[in-house]
Structure formats: structure tokens, C-alpha cells
């Protein structure tokens, strides 16, 4: 099936003192999703946002014409289930989690979907993909980490491209509409290579929020994707 590309700026690199404004500005600049990184200082180092912040930002995540922009919540937490439900109630549209952080991956996926959200699995750079084949029927998104989770601004890990190629083949063979998302070190000068490996959704943090003109960066990314 033909792929549509999504660019999902990561709020981890935004100005935390102005999060509502940052969300509106990046949507005006052309963002497709808002990527919301949740870290618990347990499963990963660092501590970030809770459900109340997601709920507060939900009203800002709309386009000028009133269209709702999906909030893509990436849970780097353990345990998963209670927070997944809390973020669903707080306005998340997509909730992804790490299989090794859940006691029962299939059950967690079912729980997220029962809350009306899309559900996905996240694989760290060195994590195997074994679990994917057993739950593919419940997965809407596969997120591959191209850095080790915990901090923004890291360099892209090239072996992710081989893993993305493998996941793309699994998705295509399934015939299901599953998005393949890459998170970590994605920027204008490598987004084409990432897309060529099979990805269709791109999380970018410092590459966007670290620049003075968000629209110029997103436009440049789209230019690379259209090349």
C-alpha cells in the first residue's frame, strides 16, 4: 500500500515553560502528530510528563481549522497498564509501550485499544523483535528507537535502518495498516535514508525545537521525503 509520511515533533525538546504555545506553533508549522515522551526515572533515567500535562495540552493540539492533531504518547514506564489507561483518559490518541516493561504484552495492547486509542510496541536499539509476530493483529504502530531512551539530542544509531527494513517486510506481509515510526536523532540530513529503510513516521525533537524556524525545518524534511 502507498505510504503517507507523518512528522511528529517530540515535546521532550520543547520549551517546557511554554508547552501550549510550542504545541500550537509546531502544528502551525506543519506537524502531523505531537510526540509525547513519558519517562518514569525507573524504566529509563529521567522524569518527564504525567497525564495531567497531556490533558492540559489536548486543547492546544488542534489545527487552525479545528482538526484534532493526534497526541502520540510513548510510555517509557514500568509497570505500564495503569498509566496507559490514565493517558487514554487524558486525551492520548496513540499509546506505545516497551514489551519488556509489560507483564502481559497482549493484555496491555487490548487494554489500550479498549480505551479507544491506537496501540503500539516500542523496540529499543538492541531489543529483538520476537514478540511482534504474536501480537501483530493488535498493533497499529511499531516504534523503533534509534537512540537509547532517556534523553533527547542523541546521535542516530545506524543499525536501526536494518531493523526498520525487517519490520517493513513484516508489516507488508501482514497486509495490515501499521505505521512504522522511528524516534531518535532524526533530522533533515538523514530523514530520506530513514524513509528508504521503510519508515513512514518520524519523531524529531531537537532537530525541530532547537531551530528558530520550525516551519523551515519541517518543510525541509518534507522536501527530502518528496525527493
Protein backbone atom coordinates (compact mmCIF):
# COMPACT_ATOMS: atom_id res chain seq x y z
CA UNK A 1 0.00 0.00 0.00
CA UNK A 2 1.18 3.53 -0.64
CA UNK A 3 2.71 5.29 2.35
CA UNK A 4 1.85 8.72 3.68
CA UNK A 5 4.57 10.33 5.74
CA UNK A 6 3.97 11.77 9.21
CA UNK A 7 6.27 14.13 11.07
CA UNK A 8 5.88 14.00 14.85
CA UNK A 9 7.83 16.68 16.76
CA UNK A 10 8.88 15.49 20.23
CA UNK A 11 7.95 17.75 23.13
CA UNK A 12 10.97 16.46 25.02
CA UNK A 13 12.98 19.16 23.20
CA UNK A 14 10.37 21.92 23.51
CA UNK A 15 10.45 24.86 25.91
CA UNK A 16 8.72 23.36 28.96
CA UNK A 17 7.75 26.81 30.23
CA UNK A 18 5.66 27.40 27.08
CA UNK A 19 4.36 23.94 26.16
CA UNK A 20 0.91 25.07 25.00
CA UNK A 21 2.43 27.69 22.70
CA UNK A 22 5.06 25.23 21.47
CA UNK A 23 2.36 22.72 20.51
CA UNK A 24 0.39 25.37 18.61
CA UNK A 25 3.48 26.75 16.86
CA UNK A 26 4.73 23.36 15.70
CA UNK A 27 1.25 22.42 14.42
CA UNK A 28 1.07 25.72 12.53
CA UNK A 29 4.49 24.79 11.10
CA UNK A 30 3.06 21.57 9.64
CA UNK A 31 3.38 18.84 12.30
CA UNK A 32 1.17 15.79 11.73
CA UNK A 33 1.36 14.33 15.25
CA UNK A 34 2.60 15.56 18.62
CA UNK A 35 5.01 13.05 20.19
CA UNK A 36 4.76 12.96 23.98
CA UNK A 37 7.59 11.16 25.80
CA UNK A 38 6.74 9.77 29.23
CA UNK A 39 9.73 8.77 31.39
CA UNK A 40 9.44 7.47 34.96
CA UNK A 41 13.07 7.55 36.22
CA UNK A 42 12.68 3.79 36.72
CA UNK A 43 12.39 2.04 33.36
CA UNK A 44 14.60 4.79 31.91
CA UNK A 45 16.68 7.54 33.51
CA UNK A 46 14.96 10.93 33.55
CA UNK A 47 11.50 12.06 34.61
CA UNK A 48 9.15 13.90 32.28
CA UNK A 49 5.40 14.39 31.80
CA UNK A 50 2.35 12.94 33.51
CA UNK A 51 -1.28 12.56 32.37
CA UNK A 52 -2.30 15.99 33.68
CA UNK A 53 0.08 17.71 31.26
CA UNK A 54 -1.28 15.61 28.39
CA UNK A 55 -4.80 16.62 29.39
CA UNK A 56 -3.82 20.30 29.57
CA UNK A 57 -2.22 20.17 26.11
CA UNK A 58 -5.11 18.34 24.43
CA UNK A 59 -6.97 21.60 23.73
CA UNK A 60 -3.85 23.09 22.10
CA UNK A 61 -3.31 20.15 19.74
CA UNK A 62 -5.64 21.35 17.00
CA UNK A 63 -5.11 22.88 13.59
CA UNK A 64 -6.38 26.33 12.68
CA UNK A 65 -9.46 24.75 11.07
CA UNK A 66 -10.29 22.90 14.30
CA UNK A 67 -8.98 19.49 13.17
CA UNK A 68 -7.61 17.48 16.08
CA UNK A 69 -3.91 16.58 15.83
CA UNK A 70 -3.09 13.15 17.31
CA UNK A 71 -1.13 13.04 20.55
CA UNK A 72 1.31 10.14 20.28
CA UNK A 73 2.20 9.02 23.82
CA UNK A 74 5.38 6.95 24.14
CA UNK A 75 5.43 5.27 27.55
CA UNK A 76 8.91 4.59 28.91
CA UNK A 77 7.47 3.36 32.20
CA UNK A 78 7.16 0.20 34.22
CA UNK A 79 4.55 -1.06 35.03
CA UNK A 80 2.54 0.06 32.01
CA UNK A 81 -1.18 -0.65 32.38
CA UNK A 82 -2.38 1.93 34.91
CA UNK A 83 -0.54 4.80 33.21
CA UNK A 84 -1.72 3.67 29.77
CA UNK A 85 -5.30 3.95 30.98
CA UNK A 86 -4.62 7.31 32.63
CA UNK A 87 -3.16 8.75 29.42
CA UNK A 88 -6.06 7.40 27.37
CA UNK A 89 -8.44 9.25 29.66
CA UNK A 90 -6.22 12.36 29.45
CA UNK A 91 -6.68 12.63 25.68
CA UNK A 92 -3.96 10.48 24.10
CA UNK A 93 -4.78 9.14 20.64
CA UNK A 94 -1.89 6.69 20.23
CA UNK A 95 -0.15 4.89 23.11
CA UNK A 96 3.03 2.89 22.62
CA UNK A 97 4.99 0.93 25.22
CA UNK A 98 8.04 -1.30 25.53
CA UNK A 99 7.23 -5.05 25.60
CA UNK A 100 9.79 -5.76 28.32
CA UNK A 101 8.04 -3.24 30.60
CA UNK A 102 4.72 -5.11 30.49
CA UNK A 103 3.96 -8.34 32.32
CA UNK A 104 1.46 -9.35 29.61
CA UNK A 105 2.02 -7.61 26.26
CA UNK A 106 -1.14 -8.93 24.60
CA UNK A 107 -3.28 -7.85 27.56
CA UNK A 108 -1.74 -4.36 27.62
CA UNK A 109 -2.44 -3.91 23.90
CA UNK A 110 -6.05 -4.99 24.43
CA UNK A 111 -6.39 -2.61 27.36
CA UNK A 112 -5.18 0.37 25.30
CA UNK A 113 -7.49 -0.44 22.40
CA UNK A 114 -10.43 -0.92 24.78
CA UNK A 115 -9.88 2.71 25.85
CA UNK A 116 -10.38 3.80 22.23
CA UNK A 117 -6.72 4.52 21.45
CA UNK A 118 -4.40 3.11 18.84
CA UNK A 119 -1.81 0.82 20.39
CA UNK A 120 1.80 0.16 19.55
CA UNK A 121 5.03 -1.51 20.61
CA UNK A 122 8.42 0.17 21.04
CA UNK A 123 11.72 -1.63 20.49
CA UNK A 124 14.99 -0.31 21.90
CA UNK A 125 18.10 -0.41 19.65
CA UNK A 126 19.33 -3.79 20.97
CA UNK A 127 15.88 -5.34 21.58
CA UNK A 128 14.78 -8.35 19.48
CA UNK A 129 11.52 -8.25 17.53
CA UNK A 130 10.33 -11.73 18.54
CA UNK A 131 7.17 -10.64 20.35
CA UNK A 132 5.86 -8.76 17.30
CA UNK A 133 4.68 -11.77 15.29
CA UNK A 134 2.41 -12.93 18.13
CA UNK A 135 0.50 -9.66 18.57
CA UNK A 136 0.59 -8.13 15.09
CA UNK A 137 -3.20 -8.28 14.87
CA UNK A 138 -3.47 -5.82 17.79
CA UNK A 139 -0.71 -3.39 16.77
CA UNK A 140 -1.34 -0.06 15.00
CA UNK A 141 2.18 1.36 15.35
CA UNK A 142 5.68 -0.12 15.61
CA UNK A 143 8.12 2.41 17.05
CA UNK A 144 11.83 1.71 16.68
CA UNK A 145 14.18 3.64 18.93
CA UNK A 146 17.22 4.87 17.01
CA UNK A 147 18.83 6.07 20.25
CA UNK A 148 18.79 4.58 23.74
CA UNK A 149 15.77 6.05 25.55
CA UNK A 150 16.08 8.52 28.37
CA UNK A 151 17.43 11.75 26.89
CA UNK A 152 16.92 13.95 23.83
CA UNK A 153 19.63 15.14 21.48
CA UNK A 154 21.43 11.81 20.95
CA UNK A 155 23.02 10.62 17.69
CA UNK A 156 21.21 8.24 15.35
CA UNK A 157 22.16 4.54 15.66
CA UNK A 158 22.59 3.25 12.10
CA UNK A 159 21.68 -0.38 12.83
CA UNK A 160 18.10 0.86 13.24
CA UNK A 161 17.88 1.07 9.45
CA UNK A 162 18.37 -2.70 9.12
CA UNK A 163 15.79 -3.31 11.81
CA UNK A 164 13.33 -0.95 10.08
CA UNK A 165 13.79 -2.84 6.81
CA UNK A 166 12.96 -6.08 8.64
CA UNK A 167 9.85 -4.59 10.30
CA UNK A 168 8.68 -3.12 7.00
CA UNK A 169 8.76 -6.60 5.46
CA UNK A 170 6.76 -8.00 8.42
CA UNK A 171 4.16 -5.24 8.11
CA UNK A 172 3.83 -5.58 4.34
CA UNK A 173 3.47 -9.36 4.59
CA UNK A 174 0.67 -8.93 7.14
CA UNK A 175 -1.37 -6.70 4.81
CA UNK A 176 -2.31 -4.59 7.84
CA UNK A 177 -2.25 -0.79 8.05
CA UNK A 178 0.51 -0.41 10.66
CA UNK A 179 2.67 2.68 10.90
CA UNK A 180 6.45 2.28 11.25
CA UNK A 181 7.80 5.09 13.42
CA UNK A 182 11.45 5.99 14.11
CA UNK A 183 12.49 8.01 17.16
CA UNK A 184 15.93 9.43 17.91
CA UNK A 185 18.44 11.53 16.01
CA UNK A 186 16.15 12.06 13.00
CA UNK A 187 16.97 15.28 11.15
CA UNK A 188 16.83 16.84 7.71
CA UNK A 189 20.06 15.24 6.51
CA UNK A 190 19.09 11.63 7.34
CA UNK A 191 15.29 11.52 7.08
CA UNK A 192 15.44 10.29 3.47
CA UNK A 193 17.64 7.35 4.46
CA UNK A 194 15.25 6.54 7.29
CA UNK A 195 12.29 6.60 4.89
CA UNK A 196 14.15 4.41 2.42
CA UNK A 197 14.50 1.78 5.16
CA UNK A 198 10.70 1.54 5.36
CA UNK A 199 9.69 4.11 7.96
CA UNK A 200 6.68 6.37 7.39
CA UNK A 201 6.52 8.28 10.70
CA UNK A 202 9.40 10.37 12.02
CA UNK A 203 9.90 11.68 15.54
CA UNK A 204 12.16 14.73 15.62
CA UNK A 205 12.96 16.67 18.77
CA UNK A 206 15.99 18.94 18.85
CA UNK A 207 16.12 18.94 15.03
CA UNK A 208 12.89 20.99 15.11
CA UNK A 209 12.60 22.64 18.52
CA UNK A 210 16.30 23.51 18.53
CA UNK A 211 15.86 25.75 15.48
CA UNK A 212 14.42 29.27 15.26
CA UNK A 213 12.03 28.47 12.37
CA UNK A 214 10.02 25.26 12.91
CA UNK A 215 8.26 25.54 9.55
CA UNK A 216 11.54 25.80 7.65
CA UNK A 217 12.76 22.56 9.23
CA UNK A 218 9.52 20.65 8.66
CA UNK A 219 9.34 21.92 5.07
CA UNK A 220 12.95 20.81 4.52
CA UNK A 221 12.10 17.36 5.91
CA UNK A 222 9.12 17.08 3.58
CA UNK A 223 11.33 18.18 0.71
CA UNK A 224 13.72 15.32 1.46
CA UNK A 225 10.83 12.86 1.72
CA UNK A 226 9.46 14.00 -1.65
CA UNK A 227 12.85 13.71 -3.37
